Amino acid sequence: MIRIEAHYESSIMGQTKTRAVSACVTLEMAEKLDRIAADYSCSQELLIKQALQDLIDQEEQRHQMTLEALAAVDEGRVVAHDDVMQWAKSLGTENALSVPKSGKR
């Protein structure tokens, strides 16, 4: 369960607003986090912020890649299913085919 609290802070310069977010985790997960924080000589907060930032970055990249893939489909830059299947079946054989290419570039 993730609980978002209505708690806001401002940085010293007043430029960055933050909001506290809390999550209930298993005891096992909390203990692992303790060990990792100790190994890296940093706070749990820093590890959690980095993990969240990595997740956000990954999701934004996935979204961008999805938009690019949809645009490629709209432009006809696709590979026929049969071509992909023939290529896949040829892998590991003496007559391996080249990677199939889209019909439009």
C-alpha atoms as a PDB file:
ATOM      1  CA  MET A   1       0.000   0.000   0.000  1.00  0.00           C
ATOM      2  CA  ILE A   2       1.305   3.453  -0.865  1.00  0.00           C
ATOM      3  CA  ARG A   3      -0.023   6.380   1.095  1.00  0.00           C
ATOM      4  CA  ILE A   4       0.480   9.915  -0.189  1.00  0.00           C
ATOM      5  CA  GLU A   5       0.440  12.450   2.586  1.00  0.00           C
ATOM      6  CA  ALA A   6      -0.614  16.058   2.148  1.00  0.00           C
ATOM      7  CA  HIS A   7       2.731  17.329   3.397  1.00  0.00           C
ATOM      8  CA  TYR A   8       4.630  19.898   1.379  1.00  0.00           C
ATOM      9  CA  GLU A   9       8.065  21.350   1.949  1.00  0.00           C
ATOM     10  CA  SER A  10      10.007  23.995   0.112  1.00  0.00           C
ATOM     11  CA  SER A  11      13.730  23.980  -0.458  1.00  0.00           C
ATOM     12  CA  ILE A  12      15.951  26.593   1.138  1.00  0.00           C
ATOM     13  CA  MET A  13      15.812  28.733  -1.993  1.00  0.00           C
ATOM     14  CA  GLY A  14      12.052  28.201  -2.293  1.00  0.00           C
ATOM     15  CA  GLN A  15      12.394  26.793  -5.811  1.00  0.00           C
ATOM     16  CA  THR A  16      11.601  23.109  -5.314  1.00  0.00           C
ATOM     17  CA  LYS A  17       8.425  21.843  -3.724  1.00  0.00           C
ATOM     18  CA  THR A  18       8.360  18.312  -2.384  1.00  0.00           C
ATOM     19  CA  ARG A  19       5.621  16.014  -1.206  1.00  0.00           C
ATOM     20  CA  ALA A  20       6.038  13.166   1.234  1.00  0.00           C
ATOM     21  CA  VAL A  21       5.028   9.740  -0.036  1.00  0.00           C
ATOM     22  CA  SER A  22       4.988   6.709   2.214  1.00  0.00           C
ATOM     23  CA  ALA A  23       4.678   2.997   1.518  1.00  0.00           C
ATOM     24  CA  CYS A  24       4.065  -0.007   3.728  1.00  0.00           C
ATOM     25  CA  VAL A  25       6.534  -2.751   2.828  1.00  0.00           C
ATOM     26  CA  THR A  26       7.168  -6.229   4.154  1.00  0.00           C
ATOM     27  CA  LEU A  27       9.621  -6.671   6.984  1.00  0.00           C
ATOM     28  CA  GLU A  28      11.866  -8.641   4.629  1.00  0.00           C
ATOM     29  CA  MET A  29      11.940  -5.772   2.124  1.00  0.00           C
ATOM     30  CA  ALA A  30      12.655  -3.227   4.872  1.00  0.00           C
ATOM     31  CA  GLU A  31      15.543  -5.338   6.184  1.00  0.00           C
ATOM     32  CA  LYS A  32      17.012  -5.657   2.689  1.00  0.00           C
ATOM     33  CA  LEU A  33      16.736  -1.905   2.285  1.00  0.00           C
ATOM     34  CA  ASP A  34      18.544  -1.463   5.621  1.00  0.00           C
ATOM     35  CA  ARG A  35      21.392  -3.703   4.411  1.00  0.00           C
ATOM     36  CA  ILE A  36      21.714  -1.938   1.070  1.00  0.00           C
ATOM     37  CA  ALA A  37      21.715   1.484   2.740  1.00  0.00           C
ATOM     38  CA  ALA A  38      24.443   0.320   5.119  1.00  0.00           C
ATOM     39  CA  ASP A  39      26.486  -1.185   2.264  1.00  0.00           C
ATOM     40  CA  TYR A  40      26.352   2.096   0.343  1.00  0.00           C
ATOM     41  CA  SER A  41      26.643   4.304   3.425  1.00  0.00           C
ATOM     42  CA  CYS A  42      23.567   6.246   2.471  1.00  0.00           C
ATOM     43  CA  SER A  43      20.048   6.772   3.734  1.00  0.00           C
ATOM     44  CA  GLN A  44      17.029   4.670   2.908  1.00  0.00           C
ATOM     45  CA  GLU A  45      15.412   7.864   1.664  1.00  0.00           C
ATOM     46  CA  LEU A  46      18.135   8.346  -0.943  1.00  0.00           C
ATOM     47  CA  LEU A  47      17.794   4.743  -2.155  1.00  0.00           C
ATOM     48  CA  ILE A  48      14.021   5.036  -2.385  1.00  0.00           C
ATOM     49  CA  LYS A  49      14.206   8.361  -4.255  1.00  0.00           C
ATOM     50  CA  GLN A  50      16.664   6.831  -6.740  1.00  0.00           C
ATOM     51  CA  ALA A  51      14.499   3.737  -7.203  1.00  0.00           C
ATOM     52  CA  LEU A  52      11.434   5.891  -7.852  1.00  0.00           C
ATOM     53  CA  GLN A  53      13.336   8.107 -10.275  1.00  0.00           C
ATOM     54  CA  ASP A  54      14.597   5.029 -12.139  1.00  0.00           C
ATOM     55  CA  LEU A  55      11.026   3.690 -12.358  1.00  0.00           C
ATOM     56  CA  ILE A  56       9.712   7.020 -13.638  1.00  0.00           C
ATOM     57  CA  ASP A  57      12.528   7.284 -16.209  1.00  0.00           C
ATOM     58  CA  GLN A  58      11.889   3.715 -17.384  1.00  0.00           C
ATOM     59  CA  GLU A  59       8.152   4.315 -17.764  1.00  0.00           C
ATOM     60  CA  GLU A  60       8.713   7.572 -19.655  1.00  0.00           C
ATOM     61  CA  GLN A  61      11.145   5.805 -21.988  1.00  0.00           C
ATOM     62  CA  ARG A  62       8.688   2.930 -22.498  1.00  0.00           C
ATOM     63  CA  HIS A  63       5.941   5.432 -23.344  1.00  0.00           C
ATOM     64  CA  GLN A  64       8.190   7.231 -25.847  1.00  0.00           C
ATOM     65  CA  MET A  65       9.182   3.940 -27.477  1.00  0.00           C
ATOM     66  CA  THR A  66       5.503   2.974 -27.746  1.00  0.00           C
ATOM     67  CA  LEU A  67       4.712   6.263 -29.484  1.00  0.00           C
ATOM     68  CA  GLU A  68       7.603   5.701 -31.892  1.00  0.00           C
ATOM     69  CA  ALA A  69       6.449   2.138 -32.604  1.00  0.00           C
ATOM     70  CA  LEU A  70       2.892   3.300 -33.294  1.00  0.00           C
ATOM     71  CA  ALA A  71       4.222   5.967 -35.644  1.00  0.00           C
ATOM     72  CA  ALA A  72       6.279   3.316 -37.462  1.00  0.00           C
ATOM     73  CA  VAL A  73       3.152   1.199 -37.917  1.00  0.00           C
ATOM     74  CA  ASP A  74       1.220   4.211 -39.205  1.00  0.00           C
ATOM     75  CA  GLU A  75       4.021   4.818 -41.716  1.00  0.00           C
ATOM     76  CA  GLY A  76       4.008   1.176 -42.822  1.00  0.00           C
ATOM     77  CA  ARG A  77       7.445   0.387 -41.380  1.00  0.00           C
ATOM     78  CA  VAL A  78       6.518  -3.135 -40.326  1.00  0.00           C
ATOM     79  CA  VAL A  79       7.805  -6.647 -40.973  1.00  0.00           C
ATOM     80  CA  ALA A  80       5.411  -9.316 -42.166  1.00  0.00           C
ATOM     81  CA  HIS A  81       4.685 -12.014 -39.577  1.00  0.00           C
ATOM     82  CA  ASP A  82       5.466 -14.803 -42.036  1.00  0.00           C
ATOM     83  CA  ASP A  83       8.893 -13.272 -42.737  1.00  0.00           C
ATOM     84  CA  VAL A  84       9.680 -13.151 -39.031  1.00  0.00           C
ATOM     85  CA  MET A  85       8.551 -16.755 -38.529  1.00  0.00           C
ATOM     86  CA  GLN A  86      10.675 -18.003 -41.447  1.00  0.00           C
ATOM     87  CA  TRP A  87      13.692 -16.136 -40.079  1.00  0.00           C
ATOM     88  CA  ALA A  88      13.137 -17.497 -36.552  1.00  0.00           C
ATOM     89  CA  LYS A  89      12.830 -21.080 -37.813  1.00  0.00           C
ATOM     90  CA  SER A  90      16.081 -20.682 -39.748  1.00  0.00           C
ATOM     91  CA  LEU A  91      18.113 -19.648 -36.701  1.00  0.00           C
ATOM     92  CA  GLY A  92      20.676 -22.251 -35.671  1.00  0.00           C
ATOM     93  CA  THR A  93      20.529 -23.991 -39.036  1.00  0.00           C
ATOM     94  CA  GLU A  94      23.121 -24.061 -41.796  1.00  0.00           C
ATOM     95  CA  ASN A  95      20.850 -21.880 -43.915  1.00  0.00           C
ATOM     96  CA  ALA A  96      20.069 -19.108 -41.433  1.00  0.00           C
ATOM     97  CA  LEU A  97      18.258 -16.222 -43.064  1.00  0.00           C
ATOM     98  CA  SER A  98      19.126 -12.574 -42.661  1.00  0.00           C
ATOM     99  CA  VAL A  99      17.032 -10.511 -40.288  1.00  0.00           C
ATOM    100  CA  PRO A 100      13.873  -9.542 -42.189  1.00  0.00           C
ATOM    101  CA  LYS A 101      13.360  -5.894 -43.028  1.00  0.00           C
ATOM    102  CA  SER A 102      10.232  -3.852 -43.342  1.00  0.00           C
ATOM    103  CA  GLY A 103       8.746  -3.364 -46.747  1.00  0.00           C
ATOM    104  CA  LYS A 104       8.926   0.416 -46.382  1.00  0.00           C
ATOM    105  CA  ARG A 105      11.760   2.641 -45.151  1.00  0.00           C
END
